[in-house]
Amino acid sequence: MEQGKILVAEDEESLRLVLKRALEEEGYWVQTCASGQLAQRLLEETRFDVSLIDIRLPDIDGLTLLRQAREAGIDMAVIIMTAQSTMGNAIEAMKNGAFDYVTKPFDLEEILVLIKRAMESRRLTRAFQELKQEVKKRFEPGVNMIGDSPAMQRVYKTIGQVVNTDATILIHVNTDATILIHGDSGTGKELVAKTIHYSSPRWNQPLVVVHCAAVPRDLLESDLFGHEKGSFTGALERRTGKFELAAGGTLFLDEVGDIPLDLQTKLLRVIQEREFCRVGGTEILKANVRIVAATNQDLEKAVKEKRFRHDLYFRLKVIPIHLPPLRERKGDIPLLVNYFTDKINREMGTHISGVSPEALRLLEEHPWPGNVRELENTLIRAAVLSPGPILFRKDLALQPRQGSPATEYNSLSLEELLRYKLEDYFQRTQSVDVDNLYALVVERVERPLIELTLKKTRGNQIRAAQILGINRNTLRKKIAQLNIQYKKNG
């Protein structure tokens, strides 16, 4: 079984053959060459996991090959072999991204151990890169952020414009009193922050979230900036703050309007100076973070009432993003319903295949004070408790905005109604233990069809046969076979 691909670039033939034989015995696929030019060509043609490159080749030296490979974006571990163990060679090799270097003459076992470490490092690095790419894909606009309404398109456009800058961003949600009572409006502010972070050059660095309203006011400063041991009662050891934890990445300040005035002053200084000190400390630390802030408050009103610093407000509002409430983008509800039902089926093992037209109409008419989060919770409850694969209005535990005595069946075509009933039958029945299902279904449809037609014609079989498109003798046989009782005219 192949353990990985290795290139050996060494001009000394005996050493080249020894390395090739030893590595092949370990299960590696090995390609060898004696010149730098051939090594260049092989690196372009084959994806190697590890390369053993001599620092002195007859035409191109190993360090130049290493630099060229890095500039070309070739993903592999490089081990430099050198007969001159100088500090300069070591520094140059490691500076240019070598995995390690070895000095000739070397022990063969040492090389095999080093190769094994390099292989494991490559596997872990690639697995980590794949994981990061998967996380990044999850937060691309349109993947978890659902909606194609004009309001959401504006959000996507703004995200696309800001992801490659380090400007401070303020996500503001226009909410009414009801949503303010619930604090977090449920419109997906944190999801927007994650989308911005994972779409930006900082995506492979930390995203740290601070829920400002949830942290006690006397502890919020320490939570943001950290503290030194003994800086206040209960500070038994040094603590790292969120600004330090987010170094190189993004700091998301949720409900930024709840930060106390005295702490707003310190936050403003950090944004302006890009540096801070821990509580009780004197060491100046760099704030290499991008700040994304969110609020469901009217900060302009808070500024007028002197509850929020006007200079901090304008510092945060470099690029404002208005995230609309669900009631302002009702056209996105069908897309959200499809997304959430798929997600619920996947995560909770339910088998919801759709929503009836009347139920969808109810969802579109509902005011959704809890926004997208309320919609998701409503669908979770309905999916778990629903007896069948189709969610009807009665499953949603919502009251329509304007009551109507009409049932949701009025909006279904005959084919839709039959399909839903059959899906419900198959969903409830683990194993279908009949061998004449076709005849059974046809009989179930024929009986009410003939009964209602006879009722419509007041028992006139000739007229009923005409309506049904069958002859009178066939109708008589069906009436007898199905034992249909009806009142004759007169």
Protein backbone atom coordinates (compact mmCIF):
# COMPACT_ATOMS: atom_id res chain seq x y z
CA MET A 1 0.00 0.00 0.00
CA GLU A 2 1.45 3.34 -1.09
CA GLN A 3 2.33 5.52 1.92
CA GLY A 4 2.96 8.68 -0.09
CA LYS A 5 4.98 10.17 -2.94
CA ILE A 6 8.60 11.26 -2.39
CA LEU A 7 11.06 13.06 -4.64
CA VAL A 8 14.80 12.59 -4.01
CA ALA A 9 16.97 15.23 -5.74
CA GLU A 10 20.60 14.14 -5.12
CA ASP A 11 23.56 14.18 -7.54
CA GLU A 12 25.53 11.47 -5.68
CA GLU A 13 24.33 8.25 -7.31
CA SER A 14 25.13 5.84 -4.46
CA LEU A 15 23.24 7.94 -1.88
CA ARG A 16 20.36 8.40 -4.31
CA LEU A 17 20.01 4.64 -4.77
CA VAL A 18 20.28 3.92 -1.02
CA LEU A 19 17.55 6.42 -0.23
CA LYS A 20 15.29 5.12 -3.01
CA ARG A 21 15.63 1.48 -1.87
CA ALA A 22 15.08 2.27 1.83
CA LEU A 23 12.03 4.46 1.16
CA GLU A 24 10.45 1.96 -1.22
CA GLU A 25 10.86 -0.77 1.41
CA GLU A 26 8.79 1.46 3.72
CA GLY A 27 6.01 1.54 1.13
CA TYR A 28 6.64 4.98 -0.40
CA TRP A 29 6.46 5.74 -4.13
CA VAL A 30 9.85 7.28 -4.95
CA GLN A 31 11.09 9.32 -7.90
CA THR A 32 14.77 10.31 -8.12
CA CYS A 33 16.77 12.82 -10.12
CA ALA A 34 20.36 14.11 -10.22
CA SER A 35 19.81 17.73 -11.33
CA GLY A 36 17.82 20.77 -10.36
CA GLN A 37 16.26 21.20 -13.80
CA LEU A 38 14.88 17.66 -13.77
CA ALA A 39 13.63 18.22 -10.24
CA GLN A 40 11.78 21.34 -11.44
CA ARG A 41 10.05 19.37 -14.18
CA LEU A 42 9.10 16.51 -11.88
CA LEU A 43 7.65 18.94 -9.31
CA GLU A 44 5.49 20.49 -12.04
CA GLU A 45 4.24 17.10 -13.26
CA THR A 46 3.66 15.22 -9.99
CA ARG A 47 2.13 16.10 -6.65
CA PHE A 48 4.74 14.93 -4.13
CA ASP A 49 4.10 14.77 -0.40
CA VAL A 50 7.76 15.16 0.60
CA SER A 51 10.91 16.17 -1.27
CA LEU A 52 14.48 15.40 -0.15
CA ILE A 53 16.63 18.00 -1.92
CA ASP A 54 20.40 18.32 -1.79
CA ILE A 55 21.50 21.90 -1.19
CA ARG A 56 24.24 21.60 -3.84
CA LEU A 57 23.06 20.27 -7.19
CA PRO A 58 25.14 20.71 -10.38
CA ASP A 59 22.87 23.33 -11.97
CA ILE A 60 20.34 24.74 -9.46
CA ASP A 61 20.94 24.75 -5.70
CA GLY A 62 18.39 23.25 -3.33
CA LEU A 63 17.46 26.54 -1.65
CA THR A 64 16.54 28.03 -5.04
CA LEU A 65 14.36 24.99 -5.77
CA LEU A 66 12.72 25.43 -2.38
CA ARG A 67 11.95 29.11 -3.06
CA GLN A 68 10.62 28.37 -6.54
CA ALA A 69 8.35 25.62 -5.20
CA ARG A 70 6.92 27.97 -2.56
CA GLU A 71 6.39 30.76 -5.12
CA ALA A 72 4.59 28.31 -7.42
CA GLY A 73 2.29 27.29 -4.57
CA ILE A 74 3.46 23.66 -4.58
CA ASP A 75 2.11 22.06 -1.41
CA MET A 76 4.68 19.62 0.00
CA ALA A 77 7.16 19.21 2.83
CA VAL A 78 10.77 19.89 1.84
CA ILE A 79 13.78 18.45 3.68
CA ILE A 80 17.10 20.04 2.72
CA MET A 81 20.22 17.83 2.71
CA THR A 82 23.55 19.58 3.16
CA ALA A 83 27.17 18.61 3.67
CA GLN A 84 27.90 22.07 5.11
CA SER A 85 26.21 22.49 8.46
CA THR A 86 26.33 26.26 8.67
CA MET A 87 24.00 28.54 10.53
CA GLY A 88 23.38 30.46 7.30
CA ASN A 89 22.15 27.37 5.46
CA ALA A 90 19.90 26.40 8.35
CA ILE A 91 18.38 29.86 8.68
CA GLU A 92 17.89 30.22 4.93
CA ALA A 93 16.24 26.80 4.63
CA MET A 94 13.80 27.35 7.48
CA LYS A 95 13.07 30.94 6.40
CA ASN A 96 11.99 29.68 3.01
CA GLY A 97 9.61 27.15 4.48
CA ALA A 98 11.63 23.93 4.71
CA PHE A 99 10.13 21.28 6.98
CA ASP A 100 13.63 20.47 8.28
CA TYR A 101 17.22 19.98 7.17
CA VAL A 102 19.78 17.21 7.75
CA THR A 103 23.56 17.24 7.64
CA LYS A 104 25.56 14.67 5.70
CA PRO A 105 26.60 12.08 6.55
CA PHE A 106 23.34 11.11 8.24
CA ASP A 107 21.89 7.96 9.70
CA LEU A 108 19.32 6.27 7.44
CA GLU A 109 16.99 5.65 10.37
CA GLU A 110 17.08 9.37 11.11
CA ILE A 111 15.87 10.09 7.57
CA LEU A 112 13.06 7.50 7.79
CA VAL A 113 11.83 8.99 11.07
CA LEU A 114 11.99 12.50 9.62
CA ILE A 115 10.10 11.41 6.50
CA LYS A 116 7.41 9.79 8.65
CA ARG A 117 7.01 13.00 10.67
CA ALA A 118 6.83 15.06 7.49
CA MET A 119 4.17 12.75 6.04
CA GLU A 120 2.07 12.96 9.18
CA SER A 121 2.44 16.72 9.21
CA ARG A 122 1.24 16.92 5.59
CA ARG A 123 -1.78 14.73 6.32
CA LEU A 124 -2.76 16.80 9.33
CA THR A 125 -2.21 20.06 7.46
CA ARG A 126 -4.31 18.94 4.50
CA ALA A 127 -7.06 17.62 6.76
CA PHE A 128 -7.07 20.91 8.65
CA GLN A 129 -7.17 22.90 5.41
CA GLU A 130 -10.09 20.79 4.16
CA LEU A 131 -11.90 21.33 7.45
CA LYS A 132 -11.34 25.09 7.29
CA GLN A 133 -12.51 25.21 3.70
CA GLU A 134 -15.66 23.29 4.67
CA VAL A 135 -16.33 25.75 7.50
CA LYS A 136 -15.75 28.65 5.12
CA LYS A 137 -18.21 27.22 2.57
CA ARG A 138 -20.89 26.93 5.25
CA PHE A 139 -20.87 30.69 5.73
CA GLU A 140 -20.91 31.84 2.12
CA PRO A 141 -23.88 34.15 1.37
CA GLY A 142 -26.79 32.02 0.15
CA VAL A 143 -25.66 28.87 2.00
CA ASN A 144 -26.80 29.62 5.54
CA MET A 145 -28.04 33.12 4.79
CA ILE A 146 -31.22 32.40 2.85
CA GLY A 147 -33.20 34.88 0.78
CA ASP A 148 -33.29 36.50 -2.63
CA SER A 149 -35.47 39.49 -1.73
CA PRO A 150 -34.14 42.95 -2.67
CA ALA A 151 -33.41 43.65 1.02
CA MET A 152 -31.25 40.53 1.36
CA GLN A 153 -29.55 41.18 -1.97
CA ARG A 154 -28.44 44.53 -0.57
CA VAL A 155 -27.00 42.73 2.48
CA TYR A 156 -25.09 40.29 0.24
CA LYS A 157 -23.78 43.16 -1.88
CA THR A 158 -22.50 45.05 1.16
CA ILE A 159 -20.83 41.90 2.54
CA GLY A 160 -19.11 41.41 -0.81
CA GLN A 161 -17.84 44.99 -0.71
CA VAL A 162 -16.42 44.88 2.82
CA VAL A 163 -14.93 41.39 3.26
CA ASN A 164 -11.53 42.37 1.90
CA THR A 165 -11.20 45.49 4.05
CA ASP A 166 -10.57 45.88 7.75
CA ALA A 167 -13.17 48.58 8.27
CA THR A 168 -15.21 48.39 11.46
CA ILE A 169 -18.74 47.20 10.74
CA LEU A 170 -21.96 47.94 12.57
CA ILE A 171 -24.86 45.57 11.93
CA HIS A 172 -28.04 47.37 12.87
CA VAL A 173 -31.45 45.75 13.02
CA ASN A 174 -34.49 48.01 12.66
CA THR A 175 -36.83 46.57 15.29
CA ASP A 176 -40.08 47.47 17.02
CA ALA A 177 -40.86 47.34 20.76
CA THR A 178 -41.77 43.67 20.72
CA ILE A 179 -38.42 42.59 19.33
CA LEU A 180 -36.63 44.88 21.76
CA ILE A 181 -38.22 42.99 24.61
CA HIS A 182 -36.67 39.77 23.31
CA GLY A 183 -33.23 41.39 23.12
CA ASP A 184 -31.75 39.40 20.24
CA SER A 185 -34.24 39.90 17.48
CA GLY A 186 -33.59 36.57 15.80
CA THR A 187 -32.86 38.07 12.39
CA GLY A 188 -29.45 36.41 12.15
CA LYS A 189 -26.99 39.14 13.18
CA GLU A 190 -24.40 36.65 14.38
CA LEU A 191 -24.79 34.70 11.14
CA VAL A 192 -24.00 37.86 9.19
CA ALA A 193 -20.92 38.41 11.36
CA LYS A 194 -19.76 34.84 10.71
CA THR A 195 -20.35 35.24 6.99
CA ILE A 196 -18.24 38.41 6.95
CA HIS A 197 -15.46 36.74 8.95
CA TYR A 198 -15.30 33.51 6.92
CA SER A 199 -15.42 35.42 3.63
CA SER A 200 -12.55 37.73 4.61
CA PRO A 201 -8.74 37.23 4.56
CA ARG A 202 -8.98 36.70 8.34
CA TRP A 203 -11.17 33.60 7.93
CA ASN A 204 -8.53 31.14 9.18
CA GLN A 205 -7.98 33.14 12.38
CA PRO A 206 -10.28 33.20 15.46
CA LEU A 207 -13.80 34.59 15.48
CA VAL A 208 -14.56 35.60 19.08
CA VAL A 209 -18.09 36.55 20.15
CA VAL A 210 -18.94 38.81 23.10
CA HIS A 211 -22.59 39.09 24.12
CA CYS A 212 -22.25 42.46 25.83
CA ALA A 213 -25.67 42.37 27.52
CA ALA A 214 -25.04 38.92 29.00
CA VAL A 215 -21.79 39.83 30.80
CA PRO A 216 -22.17 41.63 34.17
CA ARG A 217 -21.17 45.27 33.79
CA ASP A 218 -18.44 45.08 36.41
CA LEU A 219 -16.84 42.13 34.60
CA LEU A 220 -17.22 43.30 31.00
CA GLU A 221 -13.96 45.28 30.98
CA SER A 222 -12.02 42.27 32.20
CA ASP A 223 -13.84 40.06 29.69
CA LEU A 224 -12.80 42.33 26.82
CA PHE A 225 -9.25 43.30 27.81
CA GLY A 226 -8.23 40.65 30.34
CA HIS A 227 -6.71 41.39 33.77
CA GLU A 228 -3.55 40.87 35.78
CA LYS A 229 -3.36 38.77 38.92
CA GLY A 230 -4.42 40.78 41.97
CA SER A 231 -5.84 43.68 39.94
CA PHE A 232 -9.12 43.43 41.85
CA THR A 233 -10.78 41.23 44.45
CA GLY A 234 -11.15 37.75 43.04
CA ALA A 235 -8.45 38.17 40.39
CA LEU A 236 -6.45 35.16 41.50
CA GLU A 237 -4.55 34.77 38.23
CA ARG A 238 -3.89 36.56 34.97
CA ARG A 239 -6.78 36.29 32.50
CA THR A 240 -6.61 36.66 28.73
CA GLY A 241 -9.30 38.95 27.33
CA LYS A 242 -11.34 38.62 24.16
CA PHE A 243 -9.20 41.15 22.29
CA GLU A 244 -6.16 38.91 22.83
CA LEU A 245 -8.06 35.74 21.96
CA ALA A 246 -9.23 37.28 18.69
CA ALA A 247 -5.72 38.36 17.62
CA GLY A 248 -5.47 38.25 13.84
CA GLY A 249 -9.18 37.51 13.51
CA THR A 250 -12.55 39.10 14.19
CA LEU A 251 -14.16 40.33 17.41
CA PHE A 252 -17.96 40.34 17.26
CA LEU A 253 -19.53 42.68 19.82
CA ASP A 254 -23.18 41.67 20.00
CA GLU A 255 -25.61 44.16 21.61
CA VAL A 256 -22.93 46.82 21.66
CA GLY A 257 -25.52 49.38 22.79
CA ASP A 258 -25.47 47.81 26.26
CA ILE A 259 -21.82 48.67 26.96
CA PRO A 260 -21.57 51.13 29.92
CA LEU A 261 -20.47 54.70 29.16
CA ASP A 262 -17.16 54.46 31.03
CA LEU A 263 -16.22 51.33 29.10
CA GLN A 264 -17.30 52.94 25.82
CA THR A 265 -14.46 55.45 26.33
CA LYS A 266 -11.89 52.65 26.64
CA LEU A 267 -13.33 50.81 23.63
CA LEU A 268 -13.08 53.99 21.57
CA ARG A 269 -9.39 54.33 22.47
CA VAL A 270 -8.70 50.75 21.39
CA ILE A 271 -10.38 51.35 18.03
CA GLN A 272 -8.43 54.56 17.50
CA GLU A 273 -5.02 53.51 18.80
CA ARG A 274 -5.20 49.78 18.05
CA GLU A 275 -3.67 48.99 21.44
CA PHE A 276 -4.81 48.32 25.01
CA CYS A 277 -3.69 47.19 28.47
CA ARG A 278 -5.09 44.46 30.66
CA VAL A 279 -6.99 45.62 33.74
CA GLY A 280 -4.39 46.36 36.41
CA GLY A 281 -1.52 46.03 33.93
CA THR A 282 0.96 48.36 32.23
CA GLU A 283 2.05 46.20 29.27
CA ILE A 284 0.77 47.66 26.00
CA LEU A 285 -0.77 45.01 23.75
CA LYS A 286 -1.60 45.40 20.06
CA ALA A 287 -5.26 45.02 19.06
CA ASN A 288 -4.88 43.29 15.70
CA VAL A 289 -8.57 42.51 15.29
CA ARG A 290 -11.43 43.49 13.04
CA ILE A 291 -14.45 44.68 15.03
CA VAL A 292 -17.94 43.74 13.90
CA ALA A 293 -20.64 45.20 16.16
CA ALA A 294 -24.36 44.47 16.29
CA THR A 295 -27.29 46.19 17.94
CA ASN A 296 -31.06 46.13 17.96
CA GLN A 297 -31.22 49.57 19.56
CA ASP A 298 -31.62 52.99 17.98
CA LEU A 299 -28.09 54.22 18.66
CA GLU A 300 -28.78 57.68 17.23
CA LYS A 301 -31.51 58.09 19.85
CA ALA A 302 -29.13 56.72 22.50
CA VAL A 303 -26.55 59.33 21.46
CA LYS A 304 -29.11 62.14 21.79
CA GLU A 305 -30.05 60.83 25.24
CA LYS A 306 -26.32 60.68 26.14
CA ARG A 307 -26.47 56.94 26.76
CA PHE A 308 -23.99 56.24 23.96
CA ARG A 309 -20.90 58.21 22.94
CA HIS A 310 -21.37 59.97 19.62
CA ASP A 311 -17.69 59.54 18.66
CA LEU A 312 -17.84 55.78 19.32
CA TYR A 313 -21.06 55.55 17.33
CA PHE A 314 -19.45 57.14 14.29
CA ARG A 315 -16.36 54.96 14.71
CA LEU A 316 -18.53 51.87 14.63
CA LYS A 317 -20.74 53.09 11.82
CA VAL A 318 -18.08 53.15 9.16
CA ILE A 319 -20.03 50.59 7.12
CA PRO A 320 -23.61 50.11 8.35
CA ILE A 321 -25.55 46.96 7.34
CA HIS A 322 -29.31 47.00 7.71
CA LEU A 323 -30.59 43.47 8.33
CA PRO A 324 -34.35 43.50 7.62
CA PRO A 325 -36.90 41.81 9.88
CA LEU A 326 -38.74 38.84 8.40
CA ARG A 327 -42.00 40.79 8.05
CA GLU A 328 -40.24 43.02 5.50
CA ARG A 329 -39.12 40.11 3.32
CA LYS A 330 -42.12 37.79 3.23
CA GLY A 331 -41.10 36.59 -0.24
CA ASP A 332 -38.15 34.76 1.33
CA ILE A 333 -40.39 32.60 3.54
CA PRO A 334 -40.82 29.71 1.02
CA LEU A 335 -37.02 29.52 0.61
CA LEU A 336 -36.53 29.59 4.38
CA VAL A 337 -39.18 26.89 4.88
CA ASN A 338 -37.44 24.59 2.38
CA TYR A 339 -34.05 25.26 3.97
CA PHE A 340 -35.26 24.65 7.53
CA THR A 341 -37.27 21.51 6.72
CA ASP A 342 -34.20 19.97 5.05
CA LYS A 343 -32.07 20.98 8.03
CA ILE A 344 -34.59 19.60 10.55
CA ASN A 345 -34.87 16.29 8.67
CA ARG A 346 -31.09 16.00 8.59
CA GLU A 347 -30.46 16.92 12.22
CA MET A 348 -33.53 15.49 13.96
CA GLY A 349 -34.34 12.44 11.85
CA THR A 350 -37.79 13.67 10.79
CA HIS A 351 -39.25 13.03 7.33
CA ILE A 352 -41.06 16.19 6.35
CA SER A 353 -41.50 16.37 2.57
CA GLY A 354 -43.44 19.59 2.24
CA VAL A 355 -45.87 22.21 3.52
CA SER A 356 -49.45 22.48 2.31
CA PRO A 357 -50.41 25.65 0.40
CA GLU A 358 -52.73 26.79 3.19
CA ALA A 359 -49.99 26.27 5.79
CA LEU A 360 -47.51 28.22 3.65
CA ARG A 361 -50.08 31.01 3.29
CA LEU A 362 -50.40 31.12 7.07
CA LEU A 363 -46.62 31.33 7.44
CA GLU A 364 -46.50 34.20 4.96
CA GLU A 365 -49.30 36.08 6.76
CA HIS A 366 -47.85 35.71 10.25
CA PRO A 367 -46.13 38.90 11.58
CA TRP A 368 -43.14 36.97 13.02
CA PRO A 369 -42.15 39.14 15.97
CA GLY A 370 -39.34 36.66 16.63
CA ASN A 371 -38.15 36.79 13.01
CA VAL A 372 -36.23 33.93 11.39
CA ARG A 373 -35.51 32.24 14.72
CA GLU A 374 -39.22 32.08 15.52
CA LEU A 375 -39.91 30.60 12.08
CA GLU A 376 -37.28 27.90 12.61
CA ASN A 377 -38.61 27.02 16.08
CA THR A 378 -42.17 26.86 14.72
CA LEU A 379 -41.11 24.41 12.00
CA ILE A 380 -39.10 22.29 14.47
CA ARG A 381 -42.13 21.94 16.75
CA ALA A 382 -44.42 21.14 13.82
CA ALA A 383 -42.00 18.59 12.30
CA VAL A 384 -41.52 16.72 15.56
CA LEU A 385 -45.25 16.55 16.37
CA SER A 386 -46.67 16.10 12.87
CA PRO A 387 -48.26 12.65 12.26
CA GLY A 388 -47.39 12.74 8.55
CA PRO A 389 -44.84 14.03 6.06
CA ILE A 390 -46.87 17.11 5.10
CA LEU A 391 -47.18 20.06 7.49
CA PHE A 392 -50.73 21.43 7.56
CA ARG A 393 -52.02 24.60 9.14
CA LYS A 394 -53.14 22.76 12.29
CA ASP A 395 -49.55 21.52 12.80
CA LEU A 396 -48.06 25.01 13.01
CA ALA A 397 -49.65 26.18 16.28
CA LEU A 398 -50.11 29.63 14.75
CA GLN A 399 -53.23 31.71 14.42
CA PRO A 400 -53.84 33.30 11.00
CA ARG A 401 -53.89 37.07 10.94
CA GLN A 402 -57.48 37.05 9.73
CA GLY A 403 -59.54 34.03 10.67
CA SER A 404 -61.21 32.10 7.87
CA PRO A 405 -63.59 29.13 8.14
CA ALA A 406 -62.21 27.62 4.93
CA THR A 407 -59.97 24.60 5.41
CA GLU A 408 -56.61 24.21 3.77
CA TYR A 409 -57.99 21.41 1.62
CA ASN A 410 -59.85 24.02 -0.43
CA SER A 411 -56.56 25.19 -1.89
CA LEU A 412 -55.41 21.69 -2.92
CA SER A 413 -55.99 20.16 -6.33
CA LEU A 414 -57.43 16.65 -6.39
CA GLU A 415 -54.05 15.25 -7.46
CA GLU A 416 -52.25 17.11 -4.63
CA LEU A 417 -54.76 15.87 -2.10
CA LEU A 418 -54.41 12.27 -3.25
CA ARG A 419 -50.63 12.56 -3.25
CA TYR A 420 -50.53 13.94 0.29
CA LYS A 421 -52.85 11.23 1.57
CA LEU A 422 -50.81 8.50 -0.10
CA GLU A 423 -47.55 9.95 1.26
CA ASP A 424 -49.13 9.99 4.70
CA TYR A 425 -50.20 6.35 4.28
CA PHE A 426 -46.72 5.19 3.27
CA GLN A 427 -45.14 7.27 6.03
CA ARG A 428 -47.31 5.71 8.74
CA THR A 429 -47.11 2.16 7.38
CA GLN A 430 -43.73 0.57 8.04
CA SER A 431 -44.47 -2.37 5.72
CA VAL A 432 -47.31 -2.47 3.17
CA ASP A 433 -48.86 -5.89 3.76
CA VAL A 434 -51.31 -5.88 0.83
CA ASP A 435 -50.63 -7.12 -2.69
CA ASN A 436 -53.48 -5.26 -4.38
CA LEU A 437 -52.72 -1.67 -3.42
CA TYR A 438 -53.68 -0.36 -6.87
CA ALA A 439 -57.16 -1.90 -6.68
CA LEU A 440 -57.52 -0.76 -3.08
CA VAL A 441 -56.73 2.87 -3.92
CA VAL A 442 -58.96 2.82 -7.01
CA GLU A 443 -61.83 1.46 -4.92
CA ARG A 444 -61.31 4.17 -2.29
CA VAL A 445 -61.55 6.80 -5.02
CA GLU A 446 -64.42 5.18 -6.95
CA ARG A 447 -66.82 4.88 -4.03
CA PRO A 448 -67.01 8.58 -3.04
CA LEU A 449 -66.83 9.59 -6.73
CA ILE A 450 -69.87 7.50 -7.70
CA GLU A 451 -71.77 8.31 -4.50
CA LEU A 452 -71.32 12.07 -4.96
CA THR A 453 -72.17 11.91 -8.68
CA LEU A 454 -75.40 10.01 -7.95
CA LYS A 455 -76.20 12.55 -5.26
CA LYS A 456 -75.60 15.35 -7.76
CA THR A 457 -77.94 13.74 -10.32
CA ARG A 458 -80.49 12.79 -7.62
CA GLY A 459 -80.11 9.10 -8.45
CA ASN A 460 -80.36 9.45 -12.22
CA GLN A 461 -78.03 6.69 -13.42
CA ILE A 462 -78.17 7.71 -17.08
CA ARG A 463 -77.04 11.25 -16.27
CA ALA A 464 -74.47 10.00 -13.73
CA ALA A 465 -72.96 7.64 -16.35
CA GLN A 466 -72.69 10.55 -18.79
CA ILE A 467 -70.89 12.71 -16.21
CA LEU A 468 -68.52 9.88 -15.31
CA GLY A 469 -67.85 9.01 -18.95
CA ILE A 470 -68.85 5.35 -18.62
CA ASN A 471 -71.86 3.40 -19.94
CA ARG A 472 -74.87 2.65 -17.77
CA ASN A 473 -74.18 -1.09 -17.49
CA THR A 474 -70.68 -0.40 -16.13
CA LEU A 475 -72.14 2.03 -13.61
CA ARG A 476 -74.69 -0.60 -12.48
CA LYS A 477 -71.91 -3.15 -11.94
CA LYS A 478 -69.88 -0.65 -9.90
CA ILE A 479 -72.90 0.19 -7.73
CA ALA A 480 -73.45 -3.51 -7.03
CA GLN A 481 -69.76 -4.32 -6.47
CA LEU A 482 -69.24 -1.43 -4.07
CA ASN A 483 -72.63 -1.88 -2.42
CA ILE A 484 -73.42 1.80 -2.94
CA GLN A 485 -76.71 3.01 -1.45
CA TYR A 486 -78.37 6.08 -2.90
CA LYS A 487 -81.73 7.77 -3.11
CA LYS A 488 -83.51 7.56 -6.45
CA ASN A 489 -85.16 10.64 -7.95
CA GLY A 490 -88.75 11.08 -6.93
